[in-house]
Amino acid sequence: VCVCVCHSTTKCACVGHGTTQCVWCRRREFRELCSETRVISHKSHELMEDEDSGHIHSDEINHALGNDKRYSEMASIPEERDKILTEYILELHQKGPPPPPTASNRDSTWR
């Protein structure tokens, strides 16, 4: 049983019982996948807006994400998957580049 932090204290019996995960768990895990995907960066928004490189970068992202189970688990709700991805890319764009790894006092927004 997993405790779904995304929908208060309700417990989700999706893990370990051979059933499909609930929508809230799938959304949270897909968001985690986006944050783990190196091809997605603060530059992704601008690259996707560019007419020349937009489709190429979008294909790179989808290829990288498509190799993960968390991506395919969102297949039943592709609009939601696209929304989460778009929001994540926009959030990275608004934050700007992460601090250099040698920075002694890292910005808490990048944790």
N, C-alpha and C. Protein backbone atom coordinates (compact mmCIF):
# COMPACT_ATOMS: atom_id res chain seq x y z
N VAL A 1 0.86 -1.19 0.00
CA VAL A 1 0.00 0.00 0.00
C VAL A 1 0.88 1.23 0.00
N CYS A 2 0.59 2.16 -0.90
CA CYS A 2 1.35 3.41 -0.92
C CYS A 2 0.49 4.52 -0.35
N VAL A 3 1.10 5.43 0.34
CA VAL A 3 0.38 6.59 0.84
C VAL A 3 0.50 7.67 -0.22
N CYS A 4 -0.60 8.06 -0.76
CA CYS A 4 -0.61 9.03 -1.83
C CYS A 4 -0.64 10.43 -1.25
N VAL A 5 0.52 11.07 -1.25
CA VAL A 5 0.60 12.42 -0.71
C VAL A 5 -0.18 13.41 -1.56
N CYS A 6 -0.42 13.04 -2.80
CA CYS A 6 -1.10 13.96 -3.69
C CYS A 6 -2.61 14.00 -3.46
N HIS A 7 -3.16 13.04 -2.76
CA HIS A 7 -4.58 13.16 -2.41
C HIS A 7 -4.78 12.86 -0.93
N SER A 8 -4.26 13.79 -0.15
CA SER A 8 -4.33 13.83 1.32
C SER A 8 -3.85 12.53 1.95
N THR A 9 -4.57 12.04 2.92
CA THR A 9 -4.12 10.86 3.66
C THR A 9 -4.74 9.57 3.14
N THR A 10 -5.49 9.66 2.07
CA THR A 10 -6.12 8.48 1.51
C THR A 10 -5.05 7.50 1.06
N LYS A 11 -5.24 6.26 1.38
CA LYS A 11 -4.26 5.26 0.96
C LYS A 11 -4.73 4.63 -0.35
N CYS A 12 -3.77 4.38 -1.18
CA CYS A 12 -4.03 3.80 -2.48
C CYS A 12 -3.56 2.36 -2.45
N ALA A 13 -4.41 1.44 -2.75
CA ALA A 13 -4.05 0.03 -2.71
C ALA A 13 -3.53 -0.44 -4.06
N CYS A 14 -2.93 0.47 -4.80
CA CYS A 14 -2.52 0.12 -6.16
C CYS A 14 -1.20 -0.63 -6.22
N VAL A 15 -0.29 -0.37 -5.31
CA VAL A 15 1.03 -0.97 -5.38
C VAL A 15 1.03 -2.32 -4.65
N GLY A 16 1.59 -3.28 -5.30
CA GLY A 16 1.74 -4.59 -4.68
C GLY A 16 0.52 -5.48 -4.79
N HIS A 17 -0.49 -5.03 -5.44
CA HIS A 17 -1.70 -5.85 -5.57
C HIS A 17 -2.00 -6.21 -7.02
N GLY A 18 -1.08 -5.90 -7.92
CA GLY A 18 -1.25 -6.26 -9.31
C GLY A 18 -2.28 -5.43 -10.06
N THR A 19 -2.74 -4.35 -9.44
CA THR A 19 -3.71 -3.50 -10.11
C THR A 19 -3.02 -2.28 -10.68
N THR A 20 -3.69 -1.59 -11.55
CA THR A 20 -3.16 -0.37 -12.14
C THR A 20 -3.12 0.70 -11.07
N GLN A 21 -2.07 1.51 -11.10
CA GLN A 21 -1.96 2.59 -10.14
C GLN A 21 -3.05 3.61 -10.34
N CYS A 22 -3.39 4.29 -9.27
CA CYS A 22 -4.39 5.34 -9.38
C CYS A 22 -3.83 6.51 -10.18
N VAL A 23 -4.70 7.34 -10.65
CA VAL A 23 -4.32 8.48 -11.48
C VAL A 23 -3.37 9.40 -10.74
N TRP A 24 -3.61 9.63 -9.45
CA TRP A 24 -2.77 10.54 -8.68
C TRP A 24 -1.35 10.01 -8.59
N CYS A 25 -1.20 8.72 -8.38
CA CYS A 25 0.15 8.12 -8.31
C CYS A 25 0.83 8.20 -9.66
N ARG A 26 0.10 7.91 -10.73
CA ARG A 26 0.69 7.99 -12.07
C ARG A 26 1.14 9.40 -12.39
N ARG A 27 0.35 10.39 -12.03
CA ARG A 27 0.73 11.78 -12.27
C ARG A 27 2.00 12.13 -11.51
N ARG A 28 2.06 11.77 -10.23
CA ARG A 28 3.23 12.07 -9.41
C ARG A 28 4.47 11.38 -9.96
N GLU A 29 4.34 10.12 -10.34
CA GLU A 29 5.48 9.38 -10.85
C GLU A 29 5.93 9.89 -12.22
N PHE A 30 4.98 10.34 -13.05
CA PHE A 30 5.37 10.91 -14.34
C PHE A 30 6.12 12.22 -14.13
N ARG A 31 5.69 13.00 -13.18
CA ARG A 31 6.38 14.26 -12.85
C ARG A 31 7.81 13.95 -12.39
N GLU A 32 7.98 12.90 -11.59
CA GLU A 32 9.31 12.48 -11.16
C GLU A 32 10.16 12.07 -12.36
N LEU A 33 9.54 11.35 -13.29
CA LEU A 33 10.25 10.94 -14.50
C LEU A 33 10.74 12.17 -15.27
N CYS A 34 9.91 13.18 -15.40
CA CYS A 34 10.31 14.40 -16.10
C CYS A 34 11.53 15.02 -15.42
N SER A 35 11.53 15.03 -14.10
CA SER A 35 12.66 15.64 -13.39
C SER A 35 13.93 14.79 -13.50
N GLU A 36 13.80 13.52 -13.78
CA GLU A 36 14.95 12.63 -13.92
C GLU A 36 15.51 12.61 -15.35
N THR A 37 14.78 13.17 -16.29
CA THR A 37 15.15 13.11 -17.70
C THR A 37 16.10 14.24 -18.05
N ARG A 38 17.33 13.89 -18.37
CA ARG A 38 18.38 14.90 -18.60
C ARG A 38 18.14 15.75 -19.85
N VAL A 39 17.45 15.23 -20.84
CA VAL A 39 17.25 15.99 -22.07
C VAL A 39 16.29 17.16 -21.84
N ILE A 40 15.53 17.13 -20.75
CA ILE A 40 14.62 18.23 -20.40
C ILE A 40 15.40 19.19 -19.51
N SER A 41 15.50 20.45 -19.94
CA SER A 41 16.24 21.44 -19.17
C SER A 41 15.53 22.79 -19.24
N HIS A 42 16.16 23.79 -18.62
CA HIS A 42 15.60 25.14 -18.66
C HIS A 42 15.58 25.70 -20.08
N LYS A 43 16.33 25.08 -20.99
CA LYS A 43 16.36 25.52 -22.39
C LYS A 43 15.28 24.86 -23.25
N SER A 44 14.62 23.85 -22.73
CA SER A 44 13.65 23.09 -23.51
C SER A 44 12.51 23.95 -24.05
N HIS A 45 12.03 24.86 -23.24
CA HIS A 45 10.91 25.71 -23.67
C HIS A 45 11.28 26.50 -24.91
N GLU A 46 12.44 27.14 -24.89
CA GLU A 46 12.88 27.93 -26.04
C GLU A 46 13.14 27.04 -27.26
N LEU A 47 13.73 25.88 -27.03
CA LEU A 47 14.00 24.96 -28.15
C LEU A 47 12.70 24.50 -28.80
N MET A 48 11.69 24.24 -27.99
CA MET A 48 10.41 23.77 -28.53
C MET A 48 9.64 24.88 -29.23
N GLU A 49 9.89 26.13 -28.84
CA GLU A 49 9.24 27.26 -29.49
C GLU A 49 9.86 27.57 -30.84
N ASP A 50 11.11 27.20 -31.02
CA ASP A 50 11.85 27.45 -32.26
C ASP A 50 11.28 26.57 -33.39
N GLU A 51 10.96 27.18 -34.52
CA GLU A 51 10.38 26.44 -35.65
C GLU A 51 11.33 25.38 -36.18
N ASP A 52 12.62 25.68 -36.21
CA ASP A 52 13.59 24.74 -36.77
C ASP A 52 13.88 23.55 -35.86
N SER A 53 14.07 23.81 -34.57
CA SER A 53 14.47 22.75 -33.66
C SER A 53 13.34 22.23 -32.78
N GLY A 54 12.19 22.85 -32.82
CA GLY A 54 11.08 22.48 -31.94
C GLY A 54 10.65 21.04 -32.04
N HIS A 55 10.44 20.56 -33.26
CA HIS A 55 9.98 19.18 -33.44
C HIS A 55 11.08 18.19 -33.07
N ILE A 56 12.31 18.55 -33.37
CA ILE A 56 13.43 17.67 -33.06
C ILE A 56 13.57 17.49 -31.56
N HIS A 57 13.54 18.60 -30.82
CA HIS A 57 13.68 18.52 -29.37
C HIS A 57 12.49 17.80 -28.74
N SER A 58 11.31 18.07 -29.24
CA SER A 58 10.11 17.39 -28.76
C SER A 58 10.23 15.88 -28.97
N ASP A 59 10.72 15.48 -30.13
CA ASP A 59 10.92 14.06 -30.42
C ASP A 59 11.96 13.45 -29.49
N GLU A 60 13.03 14.19 -29.20
CA GLU A 60 14.07 13.71 -28.28
C GLU A 60 13.48 13.47 -26.89
N ILE A 61 12.67 14.41 -26.43
CA ILE A 61 12.05 14.28 -25.12
C ILE A 61 11.12 13.07 -25.09
N ASN A 62 10.26 12.96 -26.10
CA ASN A 62 9.31 11.84 -26.13
C ASN A 62 10.03 10.51 -26.24
N HIS A 63 11.14 10.46 -26.97
CA HIS A 63 11.92 9.23 -27.09
C HIS A 63 12.52 8.86 -25.73
N ALA A 64 13.08 9.85 -25.04
CA ALA A 64 13.69 9.59 -23.73
C ALA A 64 12.63 9.15 -22.71
N LEU A 65 11.49 9.82 -22.71
CA LEU A 65 10.43 9.46 -21.78
C LEU A 65 9.76 8.14 -22.14
N GLY A 66 9.63 7.89 -23.44
CA GLY A 66 8.92 6.71 -23.91
C GLY A 66 9.55 5.40 -23.53
N ASN A 67 10.81 5.42 -23.12
CA ASN A 67 11.49 4.20 -22.71
C ASN A 67 11.21 3.82 -21.27
N ASP A 68 10.38 4.59 -20.59
CA ASP A 68 10.12 4.36 -19.18
C ASP A 68 8.67 3.92 -18.97
N LYS A 69 8.48 3.02 -18.04
CA LYS A 69 7.16 2.49 -17.72
C LYS A 69 6.20 3.59 -17.25
N ARG A 70 6.74 4.59 -16.55
CA ARG A 70 5.89 5.67 -16.03
C ARG A 70 5.27 6.49 -17.15
N TYR A 71 5.92 6.55 -18.31
CA TYR A 71 5.37 7.24 -19.48
C TYR A 71 4.21 6.43 -20.06
N SER A 72 4.43 5.14 -20.24
CA SER A 72 3.39 4.31 -20.84
C SER A 72 2.18 4.13 -19.93
N GLU A 73 2.39 4.26 -18.62
CA GLU A 73 1.25 4.17 -17.70
C GLU A 73 0.31 5.35 -17.83
N MET A 74 0.77 6.42 -18.46
CA MET A 74 -0.06 7.60 -18.68
C MET A 74 -0.74 7.56 -20.05
N ALA A 75 -0.61 6.45 -20.77
CA ALA A 75 -1.18 6.35 -22.13
C ALA A 75 -2.69 6.52 -22.15
N SER A 76 -3.36 6.14 -21.08
CA SER A 76 -4.82 6.26 -21.06
C SER A 76 -5.28 7.70 -20.87
N ILE A 77 -4.37 8.56 -20.45
CA ILE A 77 -4.70 9.98 -20.28
C ILE A 77 -3.59 10.83 -20.91
N PRO A 78 -3.46 10.77 -22.26
CA PRO A 78 -2.38 11.48 -22.93
C PRO A 78 -2.45 13.01 -22.77
N GLU A 79 -3.65 13.56 -22.66
CA GLU A 79 -3.77 15.01 -22.48
C GLU A 79 -3.16 15.43 -21.15
N GLU A 80 -3.39 14.63 -20.13
CA GLU A 80 -2.84 14.90 -18.80
C GLU A 80 -1.31 14.78 -18.82
N ARG A 81 -0.83 13.77 -19.51
CA ARG A 81 0.62 13.56 -19.65
C ARG A 81 1.26 14.77 -20.33
N ASP A 82 0.66 15.25 -21.41
CA ASP A 82 1.18 16.41 -22.13
C ASP A 82 1.13 17.67 -21.26
N LYS A 83 0.07 17.80 -20.49
CA LYS A 83 -0.09 18.96 -19.61
C LYS A 83 1.00 18.97 -18.54
N ILE A 84 1.25 17.83 -17.92
CA ILE A 84 2.27 17.74 -16.88
C ILE A 84 3.64 18.07 -17.47
N LEU A 85 3.93 17.52 -18.63
CA LEU A 85 5.21 17.77 -19.29
C LEU A 85 5.37 19.25 -19.64
N THR A 86 4.34 19.83 -20.21
CA THR A 86 4.38 21.25 -20.59
C THR A 86 4.56 22.14 -19.37
N GLU A 87 3.84 21.85 -18.30
CA GLU A 87 3.96 22.64 -17.07
C GLU A 87 5.36 22.50 -16.48
N TYR A 88 5.91 21.30 -16.52
CA TYR A 88 7.25 21.08 -15.98
C TYR A 88 8.30 21.87 -16.79
N ILE A 89 8.19 21.81 -18.11
CA ILE A 89 9.13 22.54 -18.97
C ILE A 89 9.01 24.04 -18.74
N LEU A 90 7.81 24.54 -18.61
CA LEU A 90 7.61 25.97 -18.36
C LEU A 90 8.18 26.36 -17.00
N GLU A 91 8.00 25.51 -16.00
CA GLU A 91 8.55 25.77 -14.67
C GLU A 91 10.08 25.87 -14.72
N LEU A 92 10.72 24.96 -15.43
CA LEU A 92 12.17 25.01 -15.57
C LEU A 92 12.62 26.28 -16.28
N HIS A 93 11.87 26.66 -17.31
CA HIS A 93 12.18 27.87 -18.06
C HIS A 93 12.12 29.10 -17.16
N GLN A 94 11.10 29.16 -16.32
CA GLN A 94 10.93 30.30 -15.43
C GLN A 94 12.01 30.34 -14.34
N LYS A 95 12.47 29.19 -13.89
CA LYS A 95 13.53 29.14 -12.88
C LYS A 95 14.88 29.56 -13.45
N GLY A 96 15.08 29.29 -14.73
CA GLY A 96 16.36 29.60 -15.35
C GLY A 96 17.37 28.49 -15.10
N PRO A 97 18.62 28.75 -15.44
CA PRO A 97 19.63 27.70 -15.29
C PRO A 97 19.88 27.37 -13.82
N PRO A 98 20.18 26.11 -13.54
CA PRO A 98 20.48 25.74 -12.15
C PRO A 98 21.83 26.33 -11.73
N PRO A 99 22.04 26.44 -10.44
CA PRO A 99 23.32 26.97 -9.98
C PRO A 99 24.45 26.00 -10.33
N PRO A 100 25.66 26.50 -10.49
CA PRO A 100 26.77 25.60 -10.79
C PRO A 100 26.99 24.63 -9.63
N PRO A 101 27.48 23.43 -9.94
CA PRO A 101 27.66 22.43 -8.88
C PRO A 101 28.67 22.86 -7.82
N THR A 102 29.50 23.83 -8.14
CA THR A 102 30.50 24.28 -7.17
C THR A 102 29.98 25.38 -6.25
N ALA A 103 28.76 25.83 -6.47
CA ALA A 103 28.20 26.90 -5.64
C ALA A 103 28.08 26.41 -4.20
N SER A 104 28.55 27.23 -3.27
CA SER A 104 28.54 26.80 -1.87
C SER A 104 27.17 26.99 -1.22
N ASN A 105 26.39 27.92 -1.71
CA ASN A 105 25.07 28.17 -1.15
C ASN A 105 24.04 28.01 -2.25
N ARG A 106 23.58 26.80 -2.46
CA ARG A 106 22.63 26.53 -3.55
C ARG A 106 21.27 27.13 -3.28
N ASP A 107 20.64 27.55 -4.33
CA ASP A 107 19.29 28.12 -4.26
C ASP A 107 18.31 27.02 -3.92
N SER A 108 17.46 27.25 -2.93
CA SER A 108 16.52 26.22 -2.48
C SER A 108 15.47 25.88 -3.54
N THR A 109 15.25 26.74 -4.53
CA THR A 109 14.26 26.42 -5.56
C THR A 109 14.71 25.30 -6.47
N TRP A 110 15.97 24.93 -6.44
CA TRP A 110 16.48 23.87 -7.31
C TRP A 110 16.64 22.55 -6.60
N ARG A 111 16.07 22.40 -5.43
CA ARG A 111 16.15 21.12 -4.72
C ARG A 111 15.00 20.26 -5.02
